[in-house]
Amino acid sequence: MIKKKKLQNHTKVYFNFFGYDESSYIDCEMECGSRAVDIHHIERRNKTKNDFIENLVGLCRDCHINCNDSSFNMYVRIKHLENVCVQVYALIKLNEQLDENRK
């Protein structure tokens, strides 16, 4: 029997927020055209001590490696926060539609 690898907490937080599961194809958030294979902590986990969605970004391996460059890491932070805002806006609109349907 093949044992399923247990998802780390930060991966669960990321998947739950964006509505993914383990079988989802996730694009790298940097829109480089590659598949995200890593959920990266923008600020080091040992510094922030949290797994908040604002600090978690889905990246391909190349973009993850490039995060060692502070300029690129800042770009990652900005791009990810844009993606979070888009998701929050979509959730607000969905809730508004659900409220309208209940009336």
N, C-alpha and C. Protein backbone atom coordinates (compact mmCIF):
# COMPACT_ATOMS: atom_id res chain seq x y z
N MET A 1 0.84 -1.18 0.00
CA MET A 1 0.00 0.00 0.00
C MET A 1 0.89 1.25 0.00
N ILE A 2 0.56 2.19 -0.87
CA ILE A 2 1.30 3.45 -0.94
C ILE A 2 0.71 4.41 0.08
N LYS A 3 1.60 4.94 0.91
CA LYS A 3 1.16 5.88 1.93
C LYS A 3 1.12 7.29 1.35
N LYS A 4 0.01 8.00 1.60
CA LYS A 4 -0.10 9.38 1.14
C LYS A 4 0.73 10.29 2.03
N LYS A 5 1.44 11.20 1.41
CA LYS A 5 2.24 12.15 2.17
C LYS A 5 1.30 13.16 2.83
N LYS A 6 1.50 13.39 4.11
CA LYS A 6 0.67 14.34 4.85
C LYS A 6 1.05 15.77 4.45
N LEU A 7 0.02 16.57 4.15
CA LEU A 7 0.28 17.96 3.77
C LEU A 7 0.73 18.76 4.99
N GLN A 8 1.70 19.62 4.77
CA GLN A 8 2.14 20.51 5.84
C GLN A 8 1.07 21.58 6.06
N ASN A 9 1.04 22.15 7.26
CA ASN A 9 0.01 23.12 7.60
C ASN A 9 -0.04 24.30 6.63
N HIS A 10 1.12 24.84 6.26
CA HIS A 10 1.11 26.00 5.37
C HIS A 10 0.55 25.65 4.00
N THR A 11 0.75 24.42 3.55
CA THR A 11 0.19 23.97 2.28
C THR A 11 -1.33 23.87 2.39
N LYS A 12 -1.82 23.35 3.51
CA LYS A 12 -3.27 23.27 3.74
C LYS A 12 -3.90 24.66 3.74
N VAL A 13 -3.26 25.62 4.40
CA VAL A 13 -3.78 26.99 4.45
C VAL A 13 -3.89 27.55 3.03
N TYR A 14 -2.85 27.38 2.25
CA TYR A 14 -2.81 27.89 0.87
C TYR A 14 -3.89 27.22 0.03
N PHE A 15 -3.97 25.90 0.08
CA PHE A 15 -4.97 25.16 -0.70
C PHE A 15 -6.38 25.59 -0.31
N ASN A 16 -6.66 25.68 0.98
CA ASN A 16 -8.00 26.06 1.45
C ASN A 16 -8.38 27.45 0.97
N PHE A 17 -7.47 28.39 1.04
CA PHE A 17 -7.79 29.77 0.66
C PHE A 17 -8.14 29.87 -0.82
N PHE A 18 -7.35 29.21 -1.67
CA PHE A 18 -7.56 29.32 -3.10
C PHE A 18 -8.48 28.23 -3.67
N GLY A 19 -8.96 27.33 -2.81
CA GLY A 19 -9.89 26.30 -3.25
C GLY A 19 -9.23 25.15 -4.01
N TYR A 20 -7.98 24.86 -3.71
CA TYR A 20 -7.26 23.77 -4.37
C TYR A 20 -7.35 22.50 -3.52
N ASP A 21 -7.02 21.38 -4.16
CA ASP A 21 -6.80 20.14 -3.42
C ASP A 21 -5.52 19.52 -3.96
N GLU A 22 -5.18 18.36 -3.43
CA GLU A 22 -3.91 17.74 -3.80
C GLU A 22 -3.80 17.38 -5.27
N SER A 23 -4.92 17.25 -5.96
CA SER A 23 -4.88 16.89 -7.38
C SER A 23 -4.90 18.12 -8.30
N SER A 24 -5.01 19.30 -7.74
CA SER A 24 -5.11 20.53 -8.53
C SER A 24 -3.80 20.86 -9.24
N TYR A 25 -3.93 21.35 -10.47
CA TYR A 25 -2.79 21.93 -11.17
C TYR A 25 -2.75 23.39 -10.74
N ILE A 26 -1.65 23.83 -10.16
CA ILE A 26 -1.54 25.19 -9.65
C ILE A 26 -0.46 25.91 -10.46
N ASP A 27 -0.86 27.01 -11.10
CA ASP A 27 0.11 27.82 -11.83
C ASP A 27 1.00 28.58 -10.86
N CYS A 28 2.24 28.75 -11.25
CA CYS A 28 3.15 29.61 -10.48
C CYS A 28 2.54 31.00 -10.44
N GLU A 29 2.48 31.59 -9.26
CA GLU A 29 1.86 32.91 -9.12
C GLU A 29 2.62 34.02 -9.84
N MET A 30 3.85 33.76 -10.27
CA MET A 30 4.62 34.77 -10.98
C MET A 30 4.28 34.79 -12.47
N GLU A 31 3.32 33.93 -12.86
CA GLU A 31 2.83 33.87 -14.24
C GLU A 31 3.95 33.61 -15.25
N CYS A 32 4.88 32.74 -14.86
CA CYS A 32 5.99 32.40 -15.75
C CYS A 32 5.62 31.26 -16.69
N GLY A 33 4.44 30.67 -16.49
CA GLY A 33 3.99 29.58 -17.33
C GLY A 33 4.29 28.20 -16.77
N SER A 34 4.95 28.15 -15.63
CA SER A 34 5.29 26.86 -15.03
C SER A 34 4.30 26.48 -13.94
N ARG A 35 4.38 25.23 -13.55
CA ARG A 35 3.52 24.71 -12.48
C ARG A 35 4.15 25.03 -11.13
N ALA A 36 3.32 25.46 -10.19
CA ALA A 36 3.79 25.69 -8.82
C ALA A 36 4.05 24.35 -8.17
N VAL A 37 5.23 24.18 -7.62
CA VAL A 37 5.58 22.94 -6.93
C VAL A 37 5.94 23.20 -5.47
N ASP A 38 6.09 24.45 -5.10
CA ASP A 38 6.44 24.82 -3.73
C ASP A 38 5.49 25.88 -3.20
N ILE A 39 5.10 25.73 -1.95
CA ILE A 39 4.39 26.81 -1.26
C ILE A 39 5.46 27.49 -0.40
N HIS A 40 5.80 28.69 -0.79
CA HIS A 40 6.93 29.43 -0.22
C HIS A 40 6.45 30.42 0.83
N HIS A 41 7.18 30.50 1.94
CA HIS A 41 6.96 31.56 2.94
C HIS A 41 7.72 32.79 2.46
N ILE A 42 7.01 33.87 2.19
CA ILE A 42 7.65 35.10 1.69
C ILE A 42 8.60 35.64 2.74
N GLU A 43 8.11 35.80 3.96
CA GLU A 43 8.97 36.11 5.11
C GLU A 43 9.30 34.78 5.75
N ARG A 44 10.52 34.59 6.13
CA ARG A 44 10.91 33.30 6.72
C ARG A 44 9.98 32.91 7.86
N ARG A 45 9.61 31.64 7.85
CA ARG A 45 8.70 31.12 8.87
C ARG A 45 9.27 31.29 10.27
N ASN A 46 10.57 31.11 10.43
CA ASN A 46 11.15 31.25 11.76
C ASN A 46 11.14 32.70 12.25
N LYS A 47 10.91 33.63 11.34
CA LYS A 47 10.81 35.04 11.73
C LYS A 47 9.36 35.42 12.06
N THR A 48 8.41 34.94 11.27
CA THR A 48 7.01 35.34 11.46
C THR A 48 6.24 34.41 12.39
N LYS A 49 6.66 33.16 12.47
CA LYS A 49 5.99 32.15 13.33
C LYS A 49 4.54 31.93 12.93
N ASN A 50 4.19 32.15 11.65
CA ASN A 50 2.80 31.94 11.24
C ASN A 50 2.72 31.38 9.83
N ASP A 51 1.52 30.89 9.52
CA ASP A 51 1.22 30.39 8.19
C ASP A 51 0.03 31.16 7.61
N PHE A 52 0.03 32.49 7.75
CA PHE A 52 -1.04 33.31 7.20
C PHE A 52 -0.94 33.33 5.69
N ILE A 53 -2.09 33.40 5.02
CA ILE A 53 -2.11 33.37 3.56
C ILE A 53 -1.30 34.53 2.96
N GLU A 54 -1.25 35.65 3.64
CA GLU A 54 -0.49 36.80 3.13
C GLU A 54 0.99 36.48 2.99
N ASN A 55 1.45 35.45 3.70
CA ASN A 55 2.86 35.10 3.70
C ASN A 55 3.16 33.84 2.89
N LEU A 56 2.15 33.27 2.21
CA LEU A 56 2.33 32.02 1.48
C LEU A 56 2.06 32.21 0.00
N VAL A 57 2.96 31.74 -0.83
CA VAL A 57 2.83 31.92 -2.27
C VAL A 57 3.20 30.62 -2.99
N GLY A 58 2.44 30.28 -4.03
CA GLY A 58 2.72 29.10 -4.83
C GLY A 58 3.70 29.45 -5.94
N LEU A 59 4.83 28.75 -5.97
CA LEU A 59 5.89 29.06 -6.94
C LEU A 59 6.42 27.81 -7.62
N CYS A 60 6.89 27.99 -8.85
CA CYS A 60 7.64 26.93 -9.51
C CYS A 60 9.03 26.90 -8.86
N ARG A 61 9.78 25.87 -9.18
CA ARG A 61 11.11 25.73 -8.55
C ARG A 61 12.04 26.90 -8.90
N ASP A 62 12.06 27.33 -10.17
CA ASP A 62 12.96 28.43 -10.57
C ASP A 62 12.63 29.73 -9.83
N CYS A 63 11.34 30.07 -9.76
CA CYS A 63 10.95 31.30 -9.06
C CYS A 63 11.24 31.19 -7.57
N HIS A 64 11.07 29.99 -7.01
CA HIS A 64 11.37 29.79 -5.60
C HIS A 64 12.86 30.03 -5.34
N ILE A 65 13.70 29.50 -6.21
CA ILE A 65 15.14 29.72 -6.06
C ILE A 65 15.48 31.20 -6.19
N ASN A 66 14.80 31.91 -7.11
CA ASN A 66 15.07 33.34 -7.32
C ASN A 66 14.65 34.20 -6.13
N CYS A 67 13.85 33.65 -5.22
CA CYS A 67 13.42 34.42 -4.05
C CYS A 67 14.58 34.77 -3.12
N ASN A 68 15.75 34.16 -3.34
CA ASN A 68 16.92 34.54 -2.55
C ASN A 68 17.36 35.96 -2.88
N ASP A 69 16.94 36.46 -4.04
CA ASP A 69 17.21 37.85 -4.42
C ASP A 69 16.14 38.72 -3.78
N SER A 70 16.54 39.68 -2.97
CA SER A 70 15.57 40.50 -2.21
C SER A 70 14.64 41.30 -3.12
N SER A 71 15.12 41.75 -4.28
CA SER A 71 14.26 42.50 -5.21
C SER A 71 13.17 41.60 -5.76
N PHE A 72 13.55 40.38 -6.15
CA PHE A 72 12.57 39.45 -6.68
C PHE A 72 11.58 39.05 -5.59
N ASN A 73 12.07 38.84 -4.39
CA ASN A 73 11.19 38.47 -3.28
C ASN A 73 10.16 39.58 -3.01
N MET A 74 10.55 40.84 -3.17
CA MET A 74 9.60 41.95 -2.99
C MET A 74 8.55 41.90 -4.10
N TYR A 75 8.97 41.60 -5.33
CA TYR A 75 8.03 41.46 -6.43
C TYR A 75 7.05 40.32 -6.14
N VAL A 76 7.57 39.21 -5.62
CA VAL A 76 6.73 38.07 -5.25
C VAL A 76 5.67 38.51 -4.25
N ARG A 77 6.09 39.25 -3.24
CA ARG A 77 5.17 39.73 -2.20
C ARG A 77 4.04 40.57 -2.82
N ILE A 78 4.38 41.51 -3.68
CA ILE A 78 3.39 42.39 -4.30
C ILE A 78 2.44 41.60 -5.20
N LYS A 79 2.99 40.74 -6.03
CA LYS A 79 2.18 39.93 -6.95
C LYS A 79 1.23 39.02 -6.17
N HIS A 80 1.74 38.41 -5.12
CA HIS A 80 0.90 37.52 -4.31
C HIS A 80 -0.22 38.29 -3.63
N LEU A 81 0.06 39.46 -3.09
CA LEU A 81 -1.00 40.24 -2.43
C LEU A 81 -2.07 40.66 -3.43
N GLU A 82 -1.68 40.92 -4.68
CA GLU A 82 -2.68 41.19 -5.73
C GLU A 82 -3.58 39.97 -5.92
N ASN A 83 -2.97 38.78 -5.95
CA ASN A 83 -3.74 37.54 -6.13
C ASN A 83 -4.68 37.29 -4.95
N VAL A 84 -4.22 37.58 -3.75
CA VAL A 84 -5.06 37.43 -2.56
C VAL A 84 -6.25 38.40 -2.64
N CYS A 85 -6.00 39.64 -3.04
CA CYS A 85 -7.08 40.63 -3.17
C CYS A 85 -8.12 40.18 -4.19
N VAL A 86 -7.68 39.63 -5.32
CA VAL A 86 -8.60 39.14 -6.34
C VAL A 86 -9.48 38.04 -5.76
N GLN A 87 -8.88 37.13 -5.01
CA GLN A 87 -9.63 36.03 -4.41
C GLN A 87 -10.63 36.55 -3.37
N VAL A 88 -10.22 37.49 -2.55
CA VAL A 88 -11.12 38.06 -1.54
C VAL A 88 -12.29 38.76 -2.23
N TYR A 89 -12.01 39.52 -3.27
CA TYR A 89 -13.06 40.21 -4.02
C TYR A 89 -14.06 39.21 -4.60
N ALA A 90 -13.54 38.12 -5.16
CA ALA A 90 -14.42 37.09 -5.73
C ALA A 90 -15.30 36.47 -4.64
N LEU A 91 -14.75 36.26 -3.46
CA LEU A 91 -15.53 35.70 -2.36
C LEU A 91 -16.60 36.68 -1.88
N ILE A 92 -16.28 37.96 -1.86
CA ILE A 92 -17.27 38.97 -1.47
C ILE A 92 -18.42 38.98 -2.48
N LYS A 93 -18.09 38.97 -3.76
CA LYS A 93 -19.11 38.96 -4.81
C LYS A 93 -19.98 37.70 -4.72
N LEU A 94 -19.37 36.56 -4.47
CA LEU A 94 -20.11 35.32 -4.33
C LEU A 94 -21.08 35.40 -3.15
N ASN A 95 -20.63 35.94 -2.03
CA ASN A 95 -21.50 36.10 -0.87
C ASN A 95 -22.65 37.05 -1.16
N GLU A 96 -22.38 38.12 -1.90
CA GLU A 96 -23.45 39.05 -2.27
C GLU A 96 -24.50 38.35 -3.14
N GLN A 97 -24.05 37.52 -4.08
CA GLN A 97 -24.98 36.77 -4.94
C GLN A 97 -25.81 35.78 -4.11
N LEU A 98 -25.18 35.12 -3.18
CA LEU A 98 -25.90 34.18 -2.32
C LEU A 98 -26.94 34.90 -1.48
N ASP A 99 -26.58 36.09 -0.97
CA ASP A 99 -27.54 36.89 -0.21
C ASP A 99 -28.72 37.29 -1.05
N GLU A 100 -28.45 37.68 -2.31
CA GLU A 100 -29.54 38.07 -3.22
C GLU A 100 -30.47 36.90 -3.51
N ASN A 101 -29.90 35.73 -3.67
CA ASN A 101 -30.70 34.54 -3.96
C ASN A 101 -31.57 34.11 -2.78
N ARG A 102 -31.15 34.47 -1.57
CA ARG A 102 -31.92 34.12 -0.38
C ARG A 102 -33.14 35.02 -0.20
N LYS A 103 -33.13 36.17 -0.84
CA LYS A 103 -34.24 37.13 -0.69
C LYS A 103 -35.46 36.71 -1.43
